[in-house]
N, C-alpha and C. Protein backbone atom coordinates (compact mmCIF):
# COMPACT_ATOMS: atom_id res chain seq x y z
N MET A 1 0.72 -1.41 0.09
CA MET A 1 -0.01 0.07 0.01
C MET A 1 0.92 1.31 0.03
N SER A 2 0.61 2.32 -0.90
CA SER A 2 1.43 3.34 -1.07
C SER A 2 0.98 4.37 0.12
N GLN A 3 2.07 5.28 0.49
CA GLN A 3 1.67 6.16 1.45
C GLN A 3 0.52 7.19 1.09
N GLN A 4 0.19 7.40 -0.02
CA GLN A 4 -0.94 8.08 -0.42
C GLN A 4 -2.16 7.38 -0.04
N GLU A 5 -2.17 6.08 -0.35
CA GLU A 5 -3.35 5.01 -0.17
C GLU A 5 -3.55 5.20 1.23
N HIS A 6 -2.38 5.03 2.02
CA HIS A 6 -2.69 4.69 3.33
C HIS A 6 -3.17 6.12 3.97
N SER A 7 -2.67 7.36 3.76
CA SER A 7 -2.96 8.43 4.12
C SER A 7 -4.64 8.62 3.77
N GLU A 8 -5.09 8.34 2.52
CA GLU A 8 -6.21 8.42 2.09
C GLU A 8 -7.45 7.46 2.94
N ASN A 9 -6.81 6.23 3.07
CA ASN A 9 -7.50 5.38 3.91
C ASN A 9 -7.68 5.66 5.44
N GLN A 10 -6.51 6.34 5.91
CA GLN A 10 -6.64 6.78 7.28
C GLN A 10 -7.65 7.88 7.42
N SER A 11 -7.32 8.86 6.57
CA SER A 11 -8.21 9.89 6.43
C SER A 11 -9.86 9.74 6.42
N THR A 12 -10.33 8.76 5.43
CA THR A 12 -11.61 8.35 5.29
C THR A 12 -12.10 7.53 6.49
N PHE A 13 -11.16 6.69 7.15
CA PHE A 13 -11.35 6.00 8.41
C PHE A 13 -11.71 7.13 9.68
N ASN A 14 -10.88 8.12 9.77
CA ASN A 14 -11.11 8.98 10.79
C ASN A 14 -12.18 9.78 10.46
N GLN A 15 -12.57 10.32 9.39
CA GLN A 15 -13.74 11.12 9.26
C GLN A 15 -15.09 10.23 9.33
N GLU A 16 -15.01 8.85 8.99
CA GLU A 16 -16.25 8.21 9.13
C GLU A 16 -16.47 7.92 10.51
N ASN A 17 -15.59 7.52 11.06
CA ASN A 17 -15.47 7.14 12.40
C ASN A 17 -15.70 8.10 13.82
N ALA A 18 -14.86 9.24 13.54
CA ALA A 18 -14.82 10.19 14.54
C ALA A 18 -16.20 10.60 15.18
N VAL A 19 -17.05 10.63 14.50
CA VAL A 19 -18.30 11.05 14.85
C VAL A 19 -18.78 10.33 16.07
N ASN A 20 -18.62 9.06 16.01
CA ASN A 20 -19.29 8.24 16.99
C ASN A 20 -18.17 7.22 17.54
N ALA A 21 -16.99 7.80 18.22
CA ALA A 21 -15.98 6.99 18.75
C ALA A 21 -16.50 5.89 19.79
N ILE A 22 -17.41 6.31 20.65
CA ILE A 22 -17.94 5.46 21.63
C ILE A 22 -18.38 4.23 21.09
N GLY A 23 -19.32 4.49 20.03
CA GLY A 23 -20.18 3.73 19.39
C GLY A 23 -19.27 2.56 18.78
N LEU A 24 -18.26 3.05 18.12
CA LEU A 24 -17.27 2.06 17.52
C LEU A 24 -17.05 0.91 18.24
N PHE A 25 -16.82 1.05 19.68
CA PHE A 25 -16.39 -0.02 20.44
C PHE A 25 -17.60 -1.20 20.30
N PHE A 26 -18.81 -0.96 20.01
CA PHE A 26 -19.83 -2.03 19.87
C PHE A 26 -20.19 -2.14 18.39
N ASP A 27 -19.43 -1.47 17.57
CA ASP A 27 -19.86 -1.69 16.00
C ASP A 27 -19.13 -2.88 15.54
N GLU A 28 -19.91 -3.92 15.03
CA GLU A 28 -19.25 -5.10 14.47
C GLU A 28 -18.42 -4.96 13.19
N GLU A 29 -18.99 -3.98 12.31
CA GLU A 29 -18.16 -3.49 11.14
C GLU A 29 -16.89 -3.20 11.68
N TRP A 30 -17.03 -2.14 12.53
CA TRP A 30 -15.54 -1.56 12.92
C TRP A 30 -14.58 -2.60 13.36
N LEU A 31 -15.10 -3.52 14.34
CA LEU A 31 -14.26 -4.58 14.88
C LEU A 31 -13.78 -5.40 13.75
N ARG A 32 -14.61 -5.70 12.79
CA ARG A 32 -14.12 -6.57 11.58
C ARG A 32 -13.03 -6.02 10.89
N LYS A 33 -13.14 -4.56 10.81
CA LYS A 33 -12.15 -3.84 10.23
C LYS A 33 -10.75 -3.85 10.87
N GLY A 34 -10.88 -3.70 12.17
CA GLY A 34 -9.69 -3.75 13.24
C GLY A 34 -9.10 -5.04 13.08
N VAL A 35 -9.89 -6.13 13.15
CA VAL A 35 -9.38 -7.50 12.80
C VAL A 35 -8.46 -7.59 11.37
N GLU A 36 -9.01 -6.88 10.43
CA GLU A 36 -8.52 -6.98 9.01
C GLU A 36 -7.15 -6.34 8.94
N ALA A 37 -7.11 -5.22 9.80
CA ALA A 37 -6.10 -4.25 9.99
C ALA A 37 -4.88 -5.18 10.62
N GLU A 38 -5.29 -5.79 11.73
CA GLU A 38 -4.42 -6.53 12.35
C GLU A 38 -3.67 -7.77 11.59
N ASP A 39 -4.86 -8.39 10.57
CA ASP A 39 -4.23 -9.39 9.74
C ASP A 39 -3.14 -8.96 8.85
N LYS A 40 -3.38 -7.64 8.29
CA LYS A 40 -2.41 -6.97 7.36
C LYS A 40 -0.95 -6.86 7.66
N VAL A 41 -0.99 -6.43 9.24
CA VAL A 41 0.28 -6.38 9.73
C VAL A 41 0.92 -7.53 10.39
N GLY A 42 0.24 -8.45 10.50
CA GLY A 42 0.58 -9.95 10.94
C GLY A 42 0.76 -9.86 12.46
N GLY A 43 -0.21 -9.26 13.09
CA GLY A 43 -0.05 -9.46 14.66
C GLY A 43 -1.18 -8.51 15.20
N ASN A 44 -0.97 -8.33 16.54
CA ASN A 44 -1.95 -7.63 17.58
C ASN A 44 -1.48 -6.29 17.40
N ILE A 45 -2.44 -5.24 17.04
CA ILE A 45 -2.07 -3.82 17.00
C ILE A 45 -1.96 -3.52 18.72
N GLY A 46 -2.67 -3.98 19.44
CA GLY A 46 -2.73 -3.81 20.83
C GLY A 46 -2.92 -2.64 21.59
N ALA A 47 -3.78 -1.89 20.99
CA ALA A 47 -4.14 -0.59 21.62
C ALA A 47 -5.44 -0.81 22.78
N GLY A 48 -5.15 -0.15 23.94
CA GLY A 48 -6.21 -0.30 24.94
C GLY A 48 -6.10 -1.29 25.87
N LEU A 49 -7.01 -2.01 26.32
CA LEU A 49 -7.08 -3.07 27.30
C LEU A 49 -5.96 -4.32 27.00
N ASP A 50 -4.96 -4.61 27.92
CA ASP A 50 -4.22 -5.79 27.65
C ASP A 50 -4.63 -6.93 28.54
N TRP A 51 -5.59 -7.44 27.82
CA TRP A 51 -6.12 -8.81 28.35
C TRP A 51 -5.85 -9.97 27.85
N GLY A 52 -4.61 -10.04 27.13
CA GLY A 52 -4.01 -11.35 26.49
C GLY A 52 -5.20 -12.06 25.83
N SER A 53 -4.99 -13.23 26.07
CA SER A 53 -5.99 -14.14 25.31
C SER A 53 -7.40 -13.80 25.87
N ALA A 54 -7.64 -13.58 27.02
CA ALA A 54 -9.00 -13.36 27.51
C ALA A 54 -9.65 -12.28 26.91
N PHE A 55 -9.16 -11.31 26.01
CA PHE A 55 -9.88 -10.34 25.50
C PHE A 55 -10.39 -10.90 24.12
N VAL A 56 -10.14 -12.09 23.69
CA VAL A 56 -10.80 -12.67 22.53
C VAL A 56 -12.12 -13.04 22.96
N SER A 57 -12.19 -13.74 24.14
CA SER A 57 -13.44 -14.25 24.60
C SER A 57 -14.18 -13.05 25.05
N LEU A 58 -13.96 -12.20 25.56
CA LEU A 58 -14.54 -10.81 26.10
C LEU A 58 -14.93 -10.15 24.91
N MET A 59 -14.19 -10.00 23.87
CA MET A 59 -14.96 -9.41 22.32
C MET A 59 -15.97 -10.25 21.76
N GLY A 60 -15.98 -11.48 22.04
CA GLY A 60 -17.09 -12.25 21.53
C GLY A 60 -18.22 -12.20 22.33
N ASN A 61 -18.52 -11.52 23.38
CA ASN A 61 -19.60 -11.58 24.29
C ASN A 61 -19.82 -10.08 24.48
N LEU A 62 -20.53 -9.24 23.81
CA LEU A 62 -20.63 -7.84 23.69
C LEU A 62 -21.44 -7.54 24.93
N LYS A 63 -22.27 -8.32 25.55
CA LYS A 63 -22.92 -7.97 26.79
C LYS A 63 -21.71 -8.01 27.93
N LEU A 64 -20.76 -8.69 28.09
CA LEU A 64 -19.85 -8.49 28.79
C LEU A 64 -19.06 -7.24 28.65
N LEU A 65 -18.74 -7.00 27.47
CA LEU A 65 -17.99 -5.81 26.90
C LEU A 65 -18.49 -4.70 27.51
N GLY A 66 -19.93 -4.58 27.28
CA GLY A 66 -20.74 -3.47 27.52
C GLY A 66 -20.80 -3.12 29.37
N ARG A 67 -20.62 -4.24 30.06
CA ARG A 67 -20.62 -3.98 31.35
C ARG A 67 -19.30 -3.69 32.13
N ILE A 68 -18.19 -3.69 31.13
CA ILE A 68 -17.10 -3.05 31.83
C ILE A 68 -17.23 -1.69 32.35
N THR A 69 -17.93 -0.95 31.32
CA THR A 69 -18.35 0.43 31.53
C THR A 69 -18.89 0.70 32.76
N THR A 70 -20.10 -0.26 32.84
CA THR A 70 -20.94 -0.13 34.19
C THR A 70 -20.17 -0.32 35.62
N LEU A 71 -19.32 -1.34 35.26
CA LEU A 71 -18.45 -1.65 36.45
C LEU A 71 -17.30 -0.83 37.02
N ARG A 72 -16.69 0.01 35.73
CA ARG A 72 -15.71 0.98 36.08
C ARG A 72 -16.56 2.22 36.74
N ILE A 73 -17.62 2.46 36.12
CA ILE A 73 -18.30 3.60 36.62
C ILE A 73 -18.71 3.48 38.26
N SER A 74 -19.11 2.36 38.56
CA SER A 74 -19.59 1.93 39.89
C SER A 74 -18.39 1.72 40.69
N LEU A 75 -17.17 1.32 40.22
CA LEU A 75 -16.21 1.44 41.19
C LEU A 75 -15.69 2.58 41.61
N ASN A 76 -15.65 3.74 40.44
CA ASN A 76 -15.42 4.86 40.73
C ASN A 76 -16.14 5.62 41.63
N LYS A 77 -17.47 5.21 41.41
CA LYS A 77 -18.54 5.99 42.36
C LYS A 77 -18.25 5.40 43.89
N GLU A 78 -17.96 4.30 43.95
CA GLU A 78 -17.64 3.54 45.23
C GLU A 78 -16.52 4.14 45.88
N VAL A 79 -15.33 4.19 45.22
CA VAL A 79 -14.10 4.72 45.71
C VAL A 79 -14.44 6.30 46.40
N ARG A 80 -15.20 6.92 45.40
CA ARG A 80 -15.37 8.24 45.91
C ARG A 80 -16.10 8.29 47.00
N LEU A 81 -17.30 7.55 47.23
CA LEU A 81 -18.01 7.59 48.61
C LEU A 81 -16.99 7.07 49.84
N LEU A 82 -16.32 6.22 49.55
CA LEU A 82 -15.33 5.73 50.51
C LEU A 82 -14.42 6.81 51.07
N LEU A 83 -13.75 7.38 50.11
CA LEU A 83 -12.73 8.38 50.26
C LEU A 83 -13.51 9.72 51.13
N ASN A 84 -14.86 10.06 50.53
CA ASN A 84 -15.50 10.96 51.03
C ASN A 84 -15.78 10.83 52.54
N ASN A 85 -16.12 9.51 52.89
CA ASN A 85 -16.38 9.05 54.35
C ASN A 85 -14.98 9.38 55.29
N TRP A 86 -14.05 9.44 54.65
CA TRP A 86 -12.83 9.27 55.28
C TRP A 86 -12.38 11.06 55.83
N ASN A 87 -13.27 11.68 55.51
CA ASN A 87 -12.80 13.20 55.98
C ASN A 87 -11.50 13.86 55.50
N LEU A 88 -11.14 13.48 54.48
CA LEU A 88 -9.86 13.93 54.03
C LEU A 88 -9.94 15.59 53.62
N GLY A 89 -10.85 16.30 53.90
CA GLY A 89 -10.83 17.61 53.55
C GLY A 89 -10.46 17.99 52.11
N THR A 90 -9.76 18.91 51.93
CA THR A 90 -9.17 19.38 50.41
C THR A 90 -8.63 18.24 49.69
N ALA A 91 -7.95 17.27 50.33
CA ALA A 91 -7.26 16.27 49.72
C ALA A 91 -8.07 15.31 49.26
N THR A 92 -9.42 15.11 49.54
CA THR A 92 -10.40 14.16 49.02
C THR A 92 -10.41 14.09 47.54
N LYS A 93 -10.45 15.42 46.89
CA LYS A 93 -10.62 15.46 45.32
C LYS A 93 -9.42 14.66 44.76
N ILE A 94 -8.07 15.07 45.15
CA ILE A 94 -6.98 14.38 44.39
C ILE A 94 -6.74 13.10 44.86
N ALA A 95 -7.24 12.48 45.99
CA ALA A 95 -7.21 11.23 46.44
C ALA A 95 -8.23 10.36 45.61
N VAL A 96 -9.39 10.91 45.48
CA VAL A 96 -10.14 10.25 44.34
C VAL A 96 -9.65 9.91 43.09
N LYS A 97 -9.30 11.01 42.48
CA LYS A 97 -8.55 11.15 41.04
C LYS A 97 -7.51 10.23 41.05
N THR A 98 -6.81 10.09 42.11
CA THR A 98 -5.65 9.14 42.08
C THR A 98 -6.14 7.67 42.14
N ALA A 99 -6.96 7.47 43.00
CA ALA A 99 -7.62 6.13 43.07
C ALA A 99 -8.18 5.69 41.74
N ARG A 100 -9.01 6.44 41.12
CA ARG A 100 -9.57 6.21 39.66
C ARG A 100 -8.56 5.85 38.71
N GLU A 101 -7.49 6.73 38.81
CA GLU A 101 -6.43 6.36 37.97
C GLU A 101 -5.93 5.04 37.95
N ARG A 102 -5.63 4.80 39.31
CA ARG A 102 -5.14 3.30 39.68
C ARG A 102 -5.94 2.33 39.46
N ILE A 103 -7.17 2.45 39.25
CA ILE A 103 -8.37 1.42 38.93
C ILE A 103 -8.33 1.37 37.40
N LEU A 104 -8.09 2.39 36.83
CA LEU A 104 -7.97 2.22 35.24
C LEU A 104 -6.90 1.42 35.03
N GLU A 105 -5.79 1.82 35.49
CA GLU A 105 -4.57 0.97 35.28
C GLU A 105 -4.68 -0.14 35.42
N LYS A 106 -5.35 -0.85 36.48
CA LYS A 106 -5.62 -2.30 36.87
C LYS A 106 -6.58 -2.92 35.71
N PHE A 107 -7.44 -1.96 35.19
CA PHE A 107 -8.26 -2.52 34.10
C PHE A 107 -7.51 -2.60 32.60
N LYS A 108 -6.52 -1.90 32.63
CA LYS A 108 -5.90 -1.98 31.29
C LYS A 108 -4.94 -3.09 31.35
N LEU A 109 -3.97 -3.14 32.49
CA LEU A 109 -3.11 -4.24 32.59
C LEU A 109 -3.40 -5.01 33.77
N PRO A 110 -4.58 -5.82 33.82
CA PRO A 110 -4.79 -6.55 35.01
C PRO A 110 -3.71 -7.89 35.13
N THR A 111 -3.64 -8.09 36.40
CA THR A 111 -2.90 -9.43 36.93
C THR A 111 -3.79 -10.41 36.41
N PRO A 112 -3.23 -11.71 36.38
CA PRO A 112 -4.33 -12.94 36.20
C PRO A 112 -5.39 -12.98 37.33
N GLU A 113 -5.06 -12.54 38.72
CA GLU A 113 -5.85 -12.68 39.52
C GLU A 113 -7.07 -11.53 39.44
N VAL A 114 -6.86 -10.26 39.12
CA VAL A 114 -7.79 -9.17 38.88
C VAL A 114 -8.46 -9.70 37.76
N ARG A 115 -7.89 -10.04 36.60
CA ARG A 115 -8.69 -10.51 35.25
C ARG A 115 -9.70 -11.36 35.57
N GLU A 116 -9.31 -12.70 36.34
CA GLU A 116 -10.25 -13.48 36.62
C GLU A 116 -11.46 -13.14 37.49
N TYR A 117 -11.07 -12.03 38.52
CA TYR A 117 -12.28 -11.56 39.44
C TYR A 117 -13.28 -10.45 38.74
N ILE A 118 -12.46 -9.67 37.75
CA ILE A 118 -13.23 -8.83 36.87
C ILE A 118 -14.19 -9.71 35.88
N LEU A 119 -13.58 -10.66 35.37
CA LEU A 119 -14.57 -11.39 34.53
C LEU A 119 -15.68 -12.13 35.47
N ALA A 120 -15.39 -12.73 36.52
CA ALA A 120 -16.50 -13.27 37.39
C ALA A 120 -17.46 -12.22 37.57
N THR A 121 -17.07 -11.13 38.02
CA THR A 121 -17.84 -9.81 38.26
C THR A 121 -18.99 -9.68 37.13
N LEU A 122 -18.16 -9.39 36.04
CA LEU A 122 -18.96 -9.23 34.72
C LEU A 122 -20.07 -10.29 34.56
N GLU A 123 -19.81 -11.54 34.61
CA GLU A 123 -20.64 -12.46 34.40
C GLU A 123 -21.78 -12.63 35.22
N ASN A 124 -21.56 -12.07 36.59
CA ASN A 124 -22.86 -12.03 37.47
C ASN A 124 -24.16 -11.13 37.05
N ASP A 125 -24.96 -11.87 36.48
CA ASP A 125 -25.99 -11.14 35.76
C ASP A 125 -26.87 -10.36 36.86
N GLN A 126 -26.98 -10.77 38.16
CA GLN A 126 -27.66 -10.06 39.37
C GLN A 126 -27.16 -8.80 39.51
N LEU A 127 -25.83 -8.36 38.97
CA LEU A 127 -25.28 -7.21 39.42
C LEU A 127 -25.76 -6.05 38.37
N TYR A 128 -26.19 -6.34 37.17
CA TYR A 128 -26.36 -5.41 36.12
C TYR A 128 -27.80 -5.29 35.67
N GLY A 129 -28.68 -5.13 36.86
CA GLY A 129 -30.11 -4.70 36.46
C GLY A 129 -30.26 -3.24 36.41
N GLU A 130 -29.56 -2.35 36.87
CA GLU A 130 -29.66 -1.04 36.96
C GLU A 130 -28.58 -0.38 36.24
N GLU A 131 -28.54 1.07 36.20
CA GLU A 131 -27.55 1.91 35.49
C GLU A 131 -26.02 1.71 36.28
N PHE A 132 -26.14 1.54 37.78
CA PHE A 132 -25.02 1.11 38.33
C PHE A 132 -25.18 0.07 39.22
N ILE A 133 -23.99 -0.41 39.47
CA ILE A 133 -24.08 -1.76 40.63
C ILE A 133 -24.28 -1.06 42.00
N SER A 134 -25.36 -1.72 42.53
CA SER A 134 -25.76 -1.09 43.78
C SER A 134 -25.26 -1.96 44.89
N ASN A 135 -24.83 -3.17 44.69
CA ASN A 135 -24.09 -4.05 45.71
C ASN A 135 -22.81 -3.58 46.24
N ARG A 136 -22.65 -2.80 47.14
CA ARG A 136 -21.42 -2.11 47.64
C ARG A 136 -20.58 -3.20 48.23
N GLU A 137 -20.98 -4.28 48.82
CA GLU A 137 -20.10 -5.32 49.28
C GLU A 137 -19.14 -5.75 48.12
N ILE A 138 -19.88 -6.24 47.01
CA ILE A 138 -19.22 -6.80 45.82
C ILE A 138 -17.94 -5.55 45.44
N LEU A 139 -18.53 -4.29 45.24
CA LEU A 139 -17.93 -3.29 44.79
C LEU A 139 -16.54 -3.04 45.93
N ARG A 140 -16.75 -3.21 47.23
CA ARG A 140 -15.75 -3.06 47.98
C ARG A 140 -14.64 -4.24 48.12
N GLU A 141 -15.25 -5.57 47.82
CA GLU A 141 -14.40 -6.47 47.77
C GLU A 141 -13.48 -6.38 46.40
N LEU A 142 -14.05 -5.99 45.38
CA LEU A 142 -13.26 -5.71 44.16
C LEU A 142 -12.41 -4.60 44.37
N LEU A 143 -12.52 -3.69 45.02
CA LEU A 143 -11.64 -2.49 45.27
C LEU A 143 -10.50 -3.05 46.15
N GLY A 144 -10.71 -3.95 47.12
CA GLY A 144 -9.62 -4.72 47.80
C GLY A 144 -8.93 -5.51 46.79
N VAL A 145 -9.14 -5.97 45.99
CA VAL A 145 -8.41 -6.82 44.81
C VAL A 145 -7.49 -5.89 43.98
N LEU A 146 -8.36 -4.73 43.57
CA LEU A 146 -7.72 -3.91 42.50
C LEU A 146 -6.60 -3.04 43.27
N LEU A 147 -7.12 -2.49 44.46
CA LEU A 147 -6.09 -1.43 45.12
C LEU A 147 -5.26 -2.23 46.22
N LYS A 148 -4.15 -2.59 46.00
CA LYS A 148 -3.36 -3.12 47.06
C LYS A 148 -2.66 -2.02 48.03
N LYS A 149 -2.06 -2.40 48.93
CA LYS A 149 -1.26 -1.60 49.98
C LYS A 149 -0.55 -0.56 49.20
N GLU A 150 0.36 -0.93 48.17
CA GLU A 150 1.08 0.01 47.33
C GLU A 150 0.35 1.09 46.66
N ASP A 151 -0.84 1.09 46.20
CA ASP A 151 -1.90 1.76 45.53
C ASP A 151 -2.15 2.80 46.65
N TRP A 152 -2.58 2.05 47.85
CA TRP A 152 -3.05 3.25 48.74
C TRP A 152 -2.01 4.03 49.28
N GLU A 153 -0.83 3.51 49.43
CA GLU A 153 0.19 4.25 49.70
C GLU A 153 0.76 5.66 48.73
N THR A 154 0.44 5.27 47.44
CA THR A 154 0.43 6.00 46.46
C THR A 154 -0.80 7.17 46.52
N ILE A 155 -1.87 6.85 46.77
CA ILE A 155 -3.17 7.68 47.04
C ILE A 155 -2.81 8.58 48.12
N ALA A 156 -2.24 8.01 49.27
CA ALA A 156 -1.96 8.70 50.35
C ALA A 156 -0.72 9.69 50.22
N ALA A 157 0.12 9.42 49.57
CA ALA A 157 1.14 10.34 49.27
C ALA A 157 0.92 11.37 48.24
N VAL A 158 0.10 11.26 47.35
CA VAL A 158 -0.45 12.31 46.60
C VAL A 158 -1.43 13.25 47.07
N ALA A 159 -2.16 12.70 48.15
CA ALA A 159 -3.31 13.44 48.91
C ALA A 159 -2.53 14.44 49.73
N ALA A 160 -1.39 13.83 50.67
CA ALA A 160 -0.39 14.67 51.57
C ALA A 160 0.13 15.39 50.93
N ASP A 161 0.82 15.52 49.60
CA ASP A 161 1.54 16.41 48.96
C ASP A 161 0.60 17.35 48.68
N SER A 162 -0.76 17.23 48.13
CA SER A 162 -1.66 17.95 47.82
C SER A 162 -2.17 19.11 48.98
N LEU A 163 -2.30 18.50 50.09
CA LEU A 163 -2.66 19.09 51.53
C LEU A 163 -1.51 19.98 51.78
N LYS A 164 -0.20 19.42 51.70
CA LYS A 164 1.14 20.23 51.89
C LYS A 164 0.92 21.75 50.95
N LYS A 165 0.83 21.27 49.64
CA LYS A 165 0.90 22.62 48.84
C LYS A 165 -0.17 23.67 49.31
N GLU A 166 -1.39 23.05 49.57
CA GLU A 166 -2.49 23.93 50.06
C GLU A 166 -2.18 24.68 51.30
N ILE A 167 -1.56 23.88 52.24
CA ILE A 167 -1.26 24.81 53.57
C ILE A 167 -0.28 25.78 53.13
N ILE A 168 0.92 25.59 52.50
CA ILE A 168 1.77 26.47 52.04
C ILE A 168 1.29 27.76 51.45
N HIS A 169 0.31 27.31 50.44
CA HIS A 169 -0.29 28.27 49.69
C HIS A 169 -1.17 29.31 50.52
N GLN A 170 -1.96 28.67 51.41
CA GLN A 170 -2.86 29.49 52.20
C GLN A 170 -2.05 30.43 53.23
N ALA A 171 -0.90 29.74 53.95
CA ALA A 171 -0.25 30.51 54.78
C ALA A 171 0.54 31.63 54.17
N GLY A 172 1.13 31.43 52.91
CA GLY A 172 1.59 32.53 52.02
C GLY A 172 0.78 33.48 51.75
N SER A 173 -0.31 33.36 51.32
CA SER A 173 -1.46 34.22 50.94
C SER A 173 -2.05 35.03 52.06
N GLU A 174 -1.92 34.43 53.34
CA GLU A 174 -2.37 34.96 54.50
C GLU A 174 -1.27 35.82 55.32
N LYS A 175 0.07 35.53 54.51
CA LYS A 175 1.35 36.30 55.00
C LYS A 175 1.54 36.29 56.74
N ILE A 176 1.17 34.83 56.93
CA ILE A 176 1.54 34.36 58.45
C ILE A 176 2.94 34.08 58.62
N SER A 177 3.70 33.63 57.70
CA SER A 177 4.96 33.07 57.90
C SER A 177 6.09 34.24 57.60
N ALA A 178 7.21 34.38 58.26
CA ALA A 178 8.08 35.32 58.14
C ALA A 178 9.10 34.97 57.28
């Protein structure tokens, strides 16, 4: 394929699909084109989630694929509620943001244990009758699998640094220190 043909194909592809990027994830034609593109280069392009061979079975089941979004949103909500309950003050916002980033990292590059637990949660039909997962016990259990001690240490360090900066900023603006 010439560079010009590649550029034209890429431009056409971008124009056609930029309108509904989220919808592409569930569009069978787009997935087919993605598989064809991988065949042309002789391998896995590998953008997005790194689920190894488990991704093939996940892609074959659009119901489970759609549940990933519900699960992530529910986990993000649960971690926000959890951290809000801890009364972290101004550090709450950055702690929640950091926790959500760590959760996303775990979804993108899951360990075998995390992948197995996520897949089991995705297959639990009882959890997906509403917009969000309301079973907080399941969500807390999954947070325990996703966020290990090192993750909480990172969250705490980022929150502490944010609070330190806020205190220094406030003290400077109040002209308290000499």
